[in-house]
PDB file of N, CA and C in Angstrom:
ATOM      1  N   MET A   1     -21.248   0.947  30.787  1.00  0.00           N
ATOM      2  CA  MET A   1     -20.890   1.847  29.718  1.00  0.00           C
ATOM      3  C   MET A   1     -21.593   3.184  29.948  1.00  0.00           C
ATOM      4  N   GLY A   2     -20.878   4.261  29.713  1.00  0.00           N
ATOM      5  CA  GLY A   2     -21.432   5.596  29.910  1.00  0.00           C
ATOM      6  C   GLY A   2     -22.374   5.984  28.793  1.00  0.00           C
ATOM      7  N   GLU A   3     -22.880   7.178  28.902  1.00  0.00           N
ATOM      8  CA  GLU A   3     -23.793   7.686  27.891  1.00  0.00           C
ATOM      9  C   GLU A   3     -23.057   7.864  26.562  1.00  0.00           C
ATOM     10  N   ARG A   4     -23.674   7.417  25.489  1.00  0.00           N
ATOM     11  CA  ARG A   4     -23.064   7.518  24.152  1.00  0.00           C
ATOM     12  C   ARG A   4     -23.182   8.952  23.652  1.00  0.00           C
ATOM     13  N   PHE A   5     -22.087   9.484  23.133  1.00  0.00           N
ATOM     14  CA  PHE A   5     -22.054  10.842  22.606  1.00  0.00           C
ATOM     15  C   PHE A   5     -22.000  10.770  21.083  1.00  0.00           C
ATOM     16  N   PHE A   6     -23.079  11.145  20.416  1.00  0.00           N
ATOM     17  CA  PHE A   6     -23.142  11.112  18.960  1.00  0.00           C
ATOM     18  C   PHE A   6     -22.689  12.451  18.388  1.00  0.00           C
ATOM     19  N   LEU A   7     -21.845  12.410  17.390  1.00  0.00           N
ATOM     20  CA  LEU A   7     -21.518  13.611  16.636  1.00  0.00           C
ATOM     21  C   LEU A   7     -22.636  13.919  15.648  1.00  0.00           C
ATOM     22  N   TYR A   8     -23.178  12.869  15.040  1.00  0.00           N
ATOM     23  CA  TYR A   8     -24.394  12.964  14.237  1.00  0.00           C
ATOM     24  C   TYR A   8     -24.944  11.571  14.040  1.00  0.00           C
ATOM     25  N   ASP A   9     -26.214  11.487  13.760  1.00  0.00           N
ATOM     26  CA  ASP A   9     -26.904  10.228  13.511  1.00  0.00           C
ATOM     27  C   ASP A   9     -28.049  10.548  12.554  1.00  0.00           C
ATOM     28  N   ASP A  10     -27.725  10.649  11.276  1.00  0.00           N
ATOM     29  CA  ASP A  10     -28.677  11.070  10.256  1.00  0.00           C
ATOM     30  C   ASP A  10     -29.026   9.912   9.326  1.00  0.00           C
ATOM     31  N   VAL A  11     -30.201   9.981   8.784  1.00  0.00           N
ATOM     32  CA  VAL A  11     -30.617   9.069   7.726  1.00  0.00           C
ATOM     33  C   VAL A  11     -30.853   9.927   6.491  1.00  0.00           C
ATOM     34  N   THR A  12     -30.190   9.561   5.372  1.00  0.00           N
ATOM     35  CA  THR A  12     -30.331  10.323   4.141  1.00  0.00           C
ATOM     36  C   THR A  12     -30.633   9.380   2.982  1.00  0.00           C
ATOM     37  N   GLN A  13     -31.164   9.947   1.932  1.00  0.00           N
ATOM     38  CA  GLN A  13     -31.371   9.201   0.702  1.00  0.00           C
ATOM     39  C   GLN A  13     -30.056   9.200  -0.068  1.00  0.00           C
ATOM     40  N   ALA A  14     -29.726   8.064  -0.654  1.00  0.00           N
ATOM     41  CA  ALA A  14     -28.508   7.963  -1.456  1.00  0.00           C
ATOM     42  C   ALA A  14     -28.815   7.162  -2.720  1.00  0.00           C
ATOM     43  N   LYS A  15     -28.031   7.436  -3.737  1.00  0.00           N
ATOM     44  CA  LYS A  15     -28.139   6.709  -5.004  1.00  0.00           C
ATOM     45  C   LYS A  15     -26.853   5.905  -5.150  1.00  0.00           C
ATOM     46  N   THR A  16     -26.973   4.624  -5.456  1.00  0.00           N
ATOM     47  CA  THR A  16     -25.798   3.768  -5.617  1.00  0.00           C
ATOM     48  C   THR A  16     -25.731   3.255  -7.045  1.00  0.00           C
ATOM     49  N   ARG A  17     -24.553   3.387  -7.634  1.00  0.00           N
ATOM     50  CA  ARG A  17     -24.310   2.880  -8.987  1.00  0.00           C
ATOM     51  C   ARG A  17     -23.251   1.788  -8.887  1.00  0.00           C
ATOM     52  N   PHE A  18     -23.532   0.619  -9.437  1.00  0.00           N
ATOM     53  CA  PHE A  18     -22.570  -0.472  -9.468  1.00  0.00           C
ATOM     54  C   PHE A  18     -21.986  -0.550 -10.872  1.00  0.00           C
ATOM     55  N   VAL A  19     -20.664  -0.562 -10.962  1.00  0.00           N
ATOM     56  CA  VAL A  19     -19.973  -0.566 -12.246  1.00  0.00           C
ATOM     57  C   VAL A  19     -18.885  -1.632 -12.221  1.00  0.00           C
ATOM     58  N   SER A  20     -18.799  -2.408 -13.276  1.00  0.00           N
ATOM     59  CA  SER A  20     -17.730  -3.383 -13.443  1.00  0.00           C
ATOM     60  C   SER A  20     -17.182  -3.210 -14.854  1.00  0.00           C
ATOM     61  N   PHE A  21     -15.857  -3.046 -14.967  1.00  0.00           N
ATOM     62  CA  PHE A  21     -15.262  -2.923 -16.292  1.00  0.00           C
ATOM     63  C   PHE A  21     -13.865  -3.527 -16.287  1.00  0.00           C
ATOM     64  N   MET A  22     -13.435  -3.936 -17.474  1.00  0.00           N
ATOM     65  CA  MET A  22     -12.101  -4.496 -17.645  1.00  0.00           C
ATOM     66  C   MET A  22     -11.167  -3.423 -18.169  1.00  0.00           C
ATOM     67  N   GLY A  23     -10.062  -3.250 -17.491  1.00  0.00           N
ATOM     68  CA  GLY A  23      -9.014  -2.375 -17.980  1.00  0.00           C
ATOM     69  C   GLY A  23      -7.909  -3.231 -18.566  1.00  0.00           C
ATOM     70  N   ASP A  24      -6.826  -2.599 -18.981  1.00  0.00           N
ATOM     71  CA  ASP A  24      -5.688  -3.358 -19.485  1.00  0.00           C
ATOM     72  C   ASP A  24      -4.975  -4.087 -18.358  1.00  0.00           C
ATOM     73  N   GLU A  25      -5.040  -3.525 -17.151  1.00  0.00           N
ATOM     74  CA  GLU A  25      -4.322  -4.087 -16.012  1.00  0.00           C
ATOM     75  C   GLU A  25      -5.160  -5.056 -15.185  1.00  0.00           C
ATOM     76  N   GLU A  26      -6.447  -4.756 -14.981  1.00  0.00           N
ATOM     77  CA  GLU A  26      -7.280  -5.612 -14.144  1.00  0.00           C
ATOM     78  C   GLU A  26      -8.757  -5.274 -14.321  1.00  0.00           C
ATOM     79  N   ARG A  27      -9.572  -6.081 -13.707  1.00  0.00           N
ATOM     80  CA  ARG A  27     -11.015  -5.841 -13.658  1.00  0.00           C
ATOM     81  C   ARG A  27     -11.294  -4.917 -12.480  1.00  0.00           C
ATOM     82  N   HIS A  28     -12.196  -3.972 -12.676  1.00  0.00           N
ATOM     83  CA  HIS A  28     -12.580  -3.039 -11.619  1.00  0.00           C
ATOM     84  C   HIS A  28     -14.055  -3.259 -11.298  1.00  0.00           C
ATOM     85  N   ASP A  29     -14.357  -3.551 -10.054  1.00  0.00           N
ATOM     86  CA  ASP A  29     -15.727  -3.694  -9.573  1.00  0.00           C
ATOM     87  C   ASP A  29     -15.944  -2.618  -8.522  1.00  0.00           C
ATOM     88  N   LEU A  30     -16.800  -1.655  -8.839  1.00  0.00           N
ATOM     89  CA  LEU A  30     -16.972  -0.489  -7.988  1.00  0.00           C
ATOM     90  C   LEU A  30     -18.431  -0.283  -7.606  1.00  0.00           C
ATOM     91  N   ALA A  31     -18.626   0.305  -6.451  1.00  0.00           N
ATOM     92  CA  ALA A  31     -19.927   0.829  -6.038  1.00  0.00           C
ATOM     93  C   ALA A  31     -19.705   2.315  -5.790  1.00  0.00           C
ATOM     94  N   LEU A  32     -20.501   3.137  -6.429  1.00  0.00           N
ATOM     95  CA  LEU A  32     -20.392   4.594  -6.299  1.00  0.00           C
ATOM     96  C   LEU A  32     -21.632   5.087  -5.573  1.00  0.00           C
ATOM     97  N   ILE A  33     -21.436   5.732  -4.442  1.00  0.00           N
ATOM     98  CA  ILE A  33     -22.553   6.198  -3.625  1.00  0.00           C
ATOM     99  C   ILE A  33     -22.619   7.714  -3.682  1.00  0.00           C
ATOM    100  N   TYR A  34     -23.760   8.198  -4.165  1.00  0.00           N
ATOM    101  CA  TYR A  34     -24.000   9.632  -4.284  1.00  0.00           C
ATOM    102  C   TYR A  34     -25.005  10.037  -3.208  1.00  0.00           C
ATOM    103  N   SER A  35     -24.697  11.079  -2.462  1.00  0.00           N
ATOM    104  CA  SER A  35     -25.636  11.601  -1.467  1.00  0.00           C
ATOM    105  C   SER A  35     -25.372  13.094  -1.300  1.00  0.00           C
ATOM    106  N   ASP A  36     -26.131  13.712  -0.418  1.00  0.00           N
ATOM    107  CA  ASP A  36     -25.917  15.139  -0.171  1.00  0.00           C
ATOM    108  C   ASP A  36     -24.871  15.379   0.918  1.00  0.00           C
ATOM    109  N   ARG A  37     -24.207  14.349   1.348  1.00  0.00           N
ATOM    110  CA  ARG A  37     -23.149  14.457   2.352  1.00  0.00           C
ATOM    111  C   ARG A  37     -21.796  14.648   1.661  1.00  0.00           C
ATOM    112  N   HIS A  38     -20.784  14.904   2.410  1.00  0.00           N
ATOM    113  CA  HIS A  38     -19.393  14.952   1.937  1.00  0.00           C
ATOM    114  C   HIS A  38     -19.164  16.008   0.861  1.00  0.00           C
ATOM    115  N   TYR A  39     -19.881  17.122   0.950  1.00  0.00           N
ATOM    116  CA  TYR A  39     -19.640  18.284   0.094  1.00  0.00           C
ATOM    117  C   TYR A  39     -19.691  17.948  -1.390  1.00  0.00           C
ATOM    118  N   GLY A  40     -20.587  17.072  -1.782  1.00  0.00           N
ATOM    119  CA  GLY A  40     -20.770  16.729  -3.181  1.00  0.00           C
ATOM    120  C   GLY A  40     -19.806  15.681  -3.712  1.00  0.00           C
ATOM    121  N   LYS A  41     -18.960  15.158  -2.845  1.00  0.00           N
ATOM    122  CA  LYS A  41     -18.034  14.111  -3.286  1.00  0.00           C
ATOM    123  C   LYS A  41     -18.742  12.769  -3.333  1.00  0.00           C
ATOM    124  N   VAL A  42     -18.136  11.811  -4.017  1.00  0.00           N
ATOM    125  CA  VAL A  42     -18.713  10.484  -4.220  1.00  0.00           C
ATOM    126  C   VAL A  42     -17.936   9.479  -3.366  1.00  0.00           C
ATOM    127  N   ILE A  43     -18.657   8.585  -2.699  1.00  0.00           N
ATOM    128  CA  ILE A  43     -17.994   7.490  -1.995  1.00  0.00           C
ATOM    129  C   ILE A  43     -17.769   6.388  -3.025  1.00  0.00           C
ATOM    130  N   VAL A  44     -16.515   6.051  -3.262  1.00  0.00           N
ATOM    131  CA  VAL A  44     -16.153   5.031  -4.246  1.00  0.00           C
ATOM    132  C   VAL A  44     -15.636   3.817  -3.485  1.00  0.00           C
ATOM    133  N   LEU A  45     -16.362   2.706  -3.608  1.00  0.00           N
ATOM    134  CA  LEU A  45     -15.970   1.463  -2.952  1.00  0.00           C
ATOM    135  C   LEU A  45     -15.410   0.507  -3.990  1.00  0.00           C
ATOM    136  N   ASP A  46     -14.215   0.007  -3.741  1.00  0.00           N
ATOM    137  CA  ASP A  46     -13.631  -1.037  -4.582  1.00  0.00           C
ATOM    138  C   ASP A  46     -14.045  -2.363  -3.956  1.00  0.00           C
ATOM    139  N   ILE A  47     -14.977  -3.041  -4.578  1.00  0.00           N
ATOM    140  CA  ILE A  47     -15.577  -4.236  -4.005  1.00  0.00           C
ATOM    141  C   ILE A  47     -14.560  -5.373  -3.878  1.00  0.00           C
ATOM    142  N   GLN A  48     -13.620  -5.472  -4.809  1.00  0.00           N
ATOM    143  CA  GLN A  48     -12.647  -6.561  -4.769  1.00  0.00           C
ATOM    144  C   GLN A  48     -11.645  -6.417  -3.628  1.00  0.00           C
ATOM    145  N   SER A  49     -11.231  -5.199  -3.349  1.00  0.00           N
ATOM    146  CA  SER A  49     -10.202  -5.008  -2.314  1.00  0.00           C
ATOM    147  C   SER A  49     -10.769  -4.563  -0.970  1.00  0.00           C
ATOM    148  N   ASN A  50     -12.084  -4.308  -0.925  1.00  0.00           N
ATOM    149  CA  ASN A  50     -12.721  -3.832   0.301  1.00  0.00           C
ATOM    150  C   ASN A  50     -12.129  -2.517   0.789  1.00  0.00           C
ATOM    151  N   ARG A  51     -11.767  -1.644  -0.142  1.00  0.00           N
ATOM    152  CA  ARG A  51     -11.252  -0.323   0.206  1.00  0.00           C
ATOM    153  C   ARG A  51     -12.177   0.724  -0.379  1.00  0.00           C
ATOM    154  N   PHE A  52     -12.184   1.894   0.220  1.00  0.00           N
ATOM    155  CA  PHE A  52     -13.039   2.961  -0.281  1.00  0.00           C
ATOM    156  C   PHE A  52     -12.372   4.305  -0.072  1.00  0.00           C
ATOM    157  N   ALA A  53     -12.884   5.293  -0.802  1.00  0.00           N
ATOM    158  CA  ALA A  53     -12.416   6.672  -0.652  1.00  0.00           C
ATOM    159  C   ALA A  53     -13.570   7.599  -0.990  1.00  0.00           C
ATOM    160  N   ILE A  54     -13.559   8.759  -0.369  1.00  0.00           N
ATOM    161  CA  ILE A  54     -14.516   9.811  -0.684  1.00  0.00           C
ATOM    162  C   ILE A  54     -13.808  10.726  -1.669  1.00  0.00           C
ATOM    163  N   ILE A  55     -14.308  10.766  -2.906  1.00  0.00           N
ATOM    164  CA  ILE A  55     -13.553  11.377  -4.001  1.00  0.00           C
ATOM    165  C   ILE A  55     -14.352  12.484  -4.677  1.00  0.00           C
ATOM    166  N   GLY A  56     -13.686  13.601  -4.883  1.00  0.00           N
ATOM    167  CA  GLY A  56     -14.212  14.709  -5.666  1.00  0.00           C
ATOM    168  C   GLY A  56     -13.232  15.027  -6.779  1.00  0.00           C
ATOM    169  N   SER A  57     -13.606  15.953  -7.640  1.00  0.00           N
ATOM    170  CA  SER A  57     -12.739  16.295  -8.769  1.00  0.00           C
ATOM    171  C   SER A  57     -11.388  16.819  -8.298  1.00  0.00           C
ATOM    172  N   ASP A  58     -11.347  17.510  -7.161  1.00  0.00           N
ATOM    173  CA  ASP A  58     -10.083  18.005  -6.625  1.00  0.00           C
ATOM    174  C   ASP A  58      -9.154  16.857  -6.245  1.00  0.00           C
ATOM    175  N   ASP A  59      -9.707  15.761  -5.734  1.00  0.00           N
ATOM    176  CA  ASP A  59      -8.893  14.599  -5.355  1.00  0.00           C
ATOM    177  C   ASP A  59      -8.305  13.904  -6.575  1.00  0.00           C
ATOM    178  N   LEU A  60      -9.055  13.897  -7.674  1.00  0.00           N
ATOM    179  CA  LEU A  60      -8.564  13.249  -8.893  1.00  0.00           C
ATOM    180  C   LEU A  60      -7.345  13.970  -9.462  1.00  0.00           C
ATOM    181  N   LYS A  61      -7.215  15.262  -9.159  1.00  0.00           N
ATOM    182  CA  LYS A  61      -6.078  16.039  -9.653  1.00  0.00           C
ATOM    183  C   LYS A  61      -4.833  15.864  -8.789  1.00  0.00           C
ATOM    184  N   GLU A  62      -5.005  15.275  -7.622  1.00  0.00           N
ATOM    185  CA  GLU A  62      -3.891  15.121  -6.696  1.00  0.00           C
ATOM    186  C   GLU A  62      -3.071  13.879  -7.064  1.00  0.00           C
ATOM    187  N   GLU A  63      -1.827  14.104  -7.396  1.00  0.00           N
ATOM    188  CA  GLU A  63      -0.959  13.015  -7.835  1.00  0.00           C
ATOM    189  C   GLU A  63      -0.780  11.974  -6.732  1.00  0.00           C
ATOM    190  N   GLY A  64      -0.976  10.708  -7.092  1.00  0.00           N
ATOM    191  CA  GLY A  64      -0.769   9.605  -6.163  1.00  0.00           C
ATOM    192  C   GLY A  64      -1.936   9.322  -5.230  1.00  0.00           C
ATOM    193  N   TYR A  65      -3.020  10.104  -5.346  1.00  0.00           N
ATOM    194  CA  TYR A  65      -4.148   9.928  -4.418  1.00  0.00           C
ATOM    195  C   TYR A  65      -4.813   8.562  -4.570  1.00  0.00           C
ATOM    196  N   LEU A  66      -5.121   8.160  -5.796  1.00  0.00           N
ATOM    197  CA  LEU A  66      -5.797   6.882  -6.000  1.00  0.00           C
ATOM    198  C   LEU A  66      -4.900   5.706  -5.617  1.00  0.00           C
ATOM    199  N   GLU A  67      -3.616   5.818  -5.891  1.00  0.00           N
ATOM    200  CA  GLU A  67      -2.683   4.767  -5.510  1.00  0.00           C
ATOM    201  C   GLU A  67      -2.696   4.570  -3.991  1.00  0.00           C
ATOM    202  N   PHE A  68      -2.666   5.681  -3.275  1.00  0.00           N
ATOM    203  CA  PHE A  68      -2.673   5.632  -1.816  1.00  0.00           C
ATOM    204  C   PHE A  68      -4.017   5.136  -1.279  1.00  0.00           C
ATOM    205  N   ALA A  69      -5.104   5.713  -1.768  1.00  0.00           N
ATOM    206  CA  ALA A  69      -6.435   5.403  -1.234  1.00  0.00           C
ATOM    207  C   ALA A  69      -6.822   3.942  -1.454  1.00  0.00           C
ATOM    208  N   PHE A  70      -6.478   3.402  -2.616  1.00  0.00           N
ATOM    209  CA  PHE A  70      -6.901   2.044  -2.937  1.00  0.00           C
ATOM    210  C   PHE A  70      -5.765   1.017  -2.877  1.00  0.00           C
ATOM    211  N   GLY A  71      -4.560   1.448  -2.570  1.00  0.00           N
ATOM    212  CA  GLY A  71      -3.433   0.523  -2.468  1.00  0.00           C
ATOM    213  C   GLY A  71      -3.135  -0.172  -3.782  1.00  0.00           C
ATOM    214  N   ILE A  72      -3.119   0.598  -4.876  1.00  0.00           N
ATOM    215  CA  ILE A  72      -2.925   0.018  -6.202  1.00  0.00           C
ATOM    216  C   ILE A  72      -1.709   0.642  -6.884  1.00  0.00           C
ATOM    217  N   THR A  73      -1.285   0.006  -7.966  1.00  0.00           N
ATOM    218  CA  THR A  73      -0.137   0.492  -8.711  1.00  0.00           C
ATOM    219  C   THR A  73      -0.508   1.728  -9.528  1.00  0.00           C
ATOM    220  N   GLU A  74       0.497   2.399 -10.022  1.00  0.00           N
ATOM    221  CA  GLU A  74       0.293   3.585 -10.856  1.00  0.00           C
ATOM    222  C   GLU A  74      -0.482   3.246 -12.126  1.00  0.00           C
ATOM    223  N   GLU A  75      -0.201   2.081 -12.715  1.00  0.00           N
ATOM    224  CA  GLU A  75      -0.890   1.658 -13.936  1.00  0.00           C
ATOM    225  C   GLU A  75      -2.376   1.406 -13.679  1.00  0.00           C
ATOM    226  N   LYS A  76      -2.685   0.721 -12.586  1.00  0.00           N
ATOM    227  CA  LYS A  76      -4.082   0.449 -12.240  1.00  0.00           C
ATOM    228  C   LYS A  76      -4.807   1.743 -11.879  1.00  0.00           C
ATOM    229  N   ALA A  77      -4.104   2.631 -11.204  1.00  0.00           N
ATOM    230  CA  ALA A  77      -4.689   3.925 -10.841  1.00  0.00           C
ATOM    231  C   ALA A  77      -5.012   4.746 -12.083  1.00  0.00           C
ATOM    232  N   ALA A  78      -4.183   4.640 -13.113  1.00  0.00           N
ATOM    233  CA  ALA A  78      -4.428   5.377 -14.355  1.00  0.00           C
ATOM    234  C   ALA A  78      -5.730   4.921 -15.001  1.00  0.00           C
ATOM    235  N   GLU A  79      -6.001   3.606 -14.975  1.00  0.00           N
ATOM    236  CA  GLU A  79      -7.267   3.089 -15.508  1.00  0.00           C
ATOM    237  C   GLU A  79      -8.446   3.620 -14.706  1.00  0.00           C
ATOM    238  N   LEU A  80      -8.310   3.578 -13.400  1.00  0.00           N
ATOM    239  CA  LEU A  80      -9.375   4.047 -12.525  1.00  0.00           C
ATOM    240  C   LEU A  80      -9.593   5.550 -12.690  1.00  0.00           C
ATOM    241  N   LEU A  81      -8.511   6.298 -12.791  1.00  0.00           N
ATOM    242  CA  LEU A  81      -8.595   7.744 -12.992  1.00  0.00           C
ATOM    243  C   LEU A  81      -9.308   8.072 -14.297  1.00  0.00           C
ATOM    244  N   ASP A  82      -9.014   7.326 -15.334  1.00  0.00           N
ATOM    245  CA  ASP A  82      -9.654   7.547 -16.629  1.00  0.00           C
ATOM    246  C   ASP A  82     -11.168   7.416 -16.507  1.00  0.00           C
ATOM    247  N   PHE A  83     -11.626   6.383 -15.807  1.00  0.00           N
ATOM    248  CA  PHE A  83     -13.062   6.177 -15.630  1.00  0.00           C
ATOM    249  C   PHE A  83     -13.663   7.236 -14.710  1.00  0.00           C
ATOM    250  N   LEU A  84     -13.060   7.441 -13.545  1.00  0.00           N
ATOM    251  CA  LEU A  84     -13.630   8.382 -12.575  1.00  0.00           C
ATOM    252  C   LEU A  84     -13.670   9.807 -13.094  1.00  0.00           C
ATOM    253  N   SER A  85     -12.722  10.174 -13.944  1.00  0.00           N
ATOM    254  CA  SER A  85     -12.704  11.522 -14.516  1.00  0.00           C
ATOM    255  C   SER A  85     -13.916  11.773 -15.408  1.00  0.00           C
ATOM    256  N   GLU A  86     -14.490  10.719 -15.937  1.00  0.00           N
ATOM    257  CA  GLU A  86     -15.683  10.851 -16.781  1.00  0.00           C
ATOM    258  C   GLU A  86     -16.949  11.078 -15.973  1.00  0.00           C
ATOM    259  N   ILE A  87     -16.976  10.636 -14.713  1.00  0.00           N
ATOM    260  CA  ILE A  87     -18.221  10.691 -13.958  1.00  0.00           C
ATOM    261  C   ILE A  87     -18.175  11.641 -12.750  1.00  0.00           C
ATOM    262  N   ILE A  88     -16.995  12.029 -12.320  1.00  0.00           N
ATOM    263  CA  ILE A  88     -16.868  12.939 -11.179  1.00  0.00           C
ATOM    264  C   ILE A  88     -16.407  14.281 -11.712  1.00  0.00           C
ATOM    265  N   TYR A  89     -17.205  15.311 -11.525  1.00  0.00           N
ATOM    266  CA  TYR A  89     -16.902  16.641 -12.077  1.00  0.00           C
ATOM    267  C   TYR A  89     -16.352  17.534 -11.011  1.00  0.00           C
TER     268      TYR A  89
END
């Protein structure tokens, strides 16, 4: 194997918030990772589906983004959007 070429290899401090809540459509189990990376956006991990997205307030305004990122229905995305809109500015 040749020499490994790193684009970056940083260690940073991060804050993780675990949230579980029941919506009308389903239960949401999330891990939200806050760090100084990704231009102030939050890494949102859906623990049940093993999917994640890097989300900022601009992404929440984009129609169909949550449905695409998490592979969920419009109804489930509406529940998730309602919650994320409260915590992502």
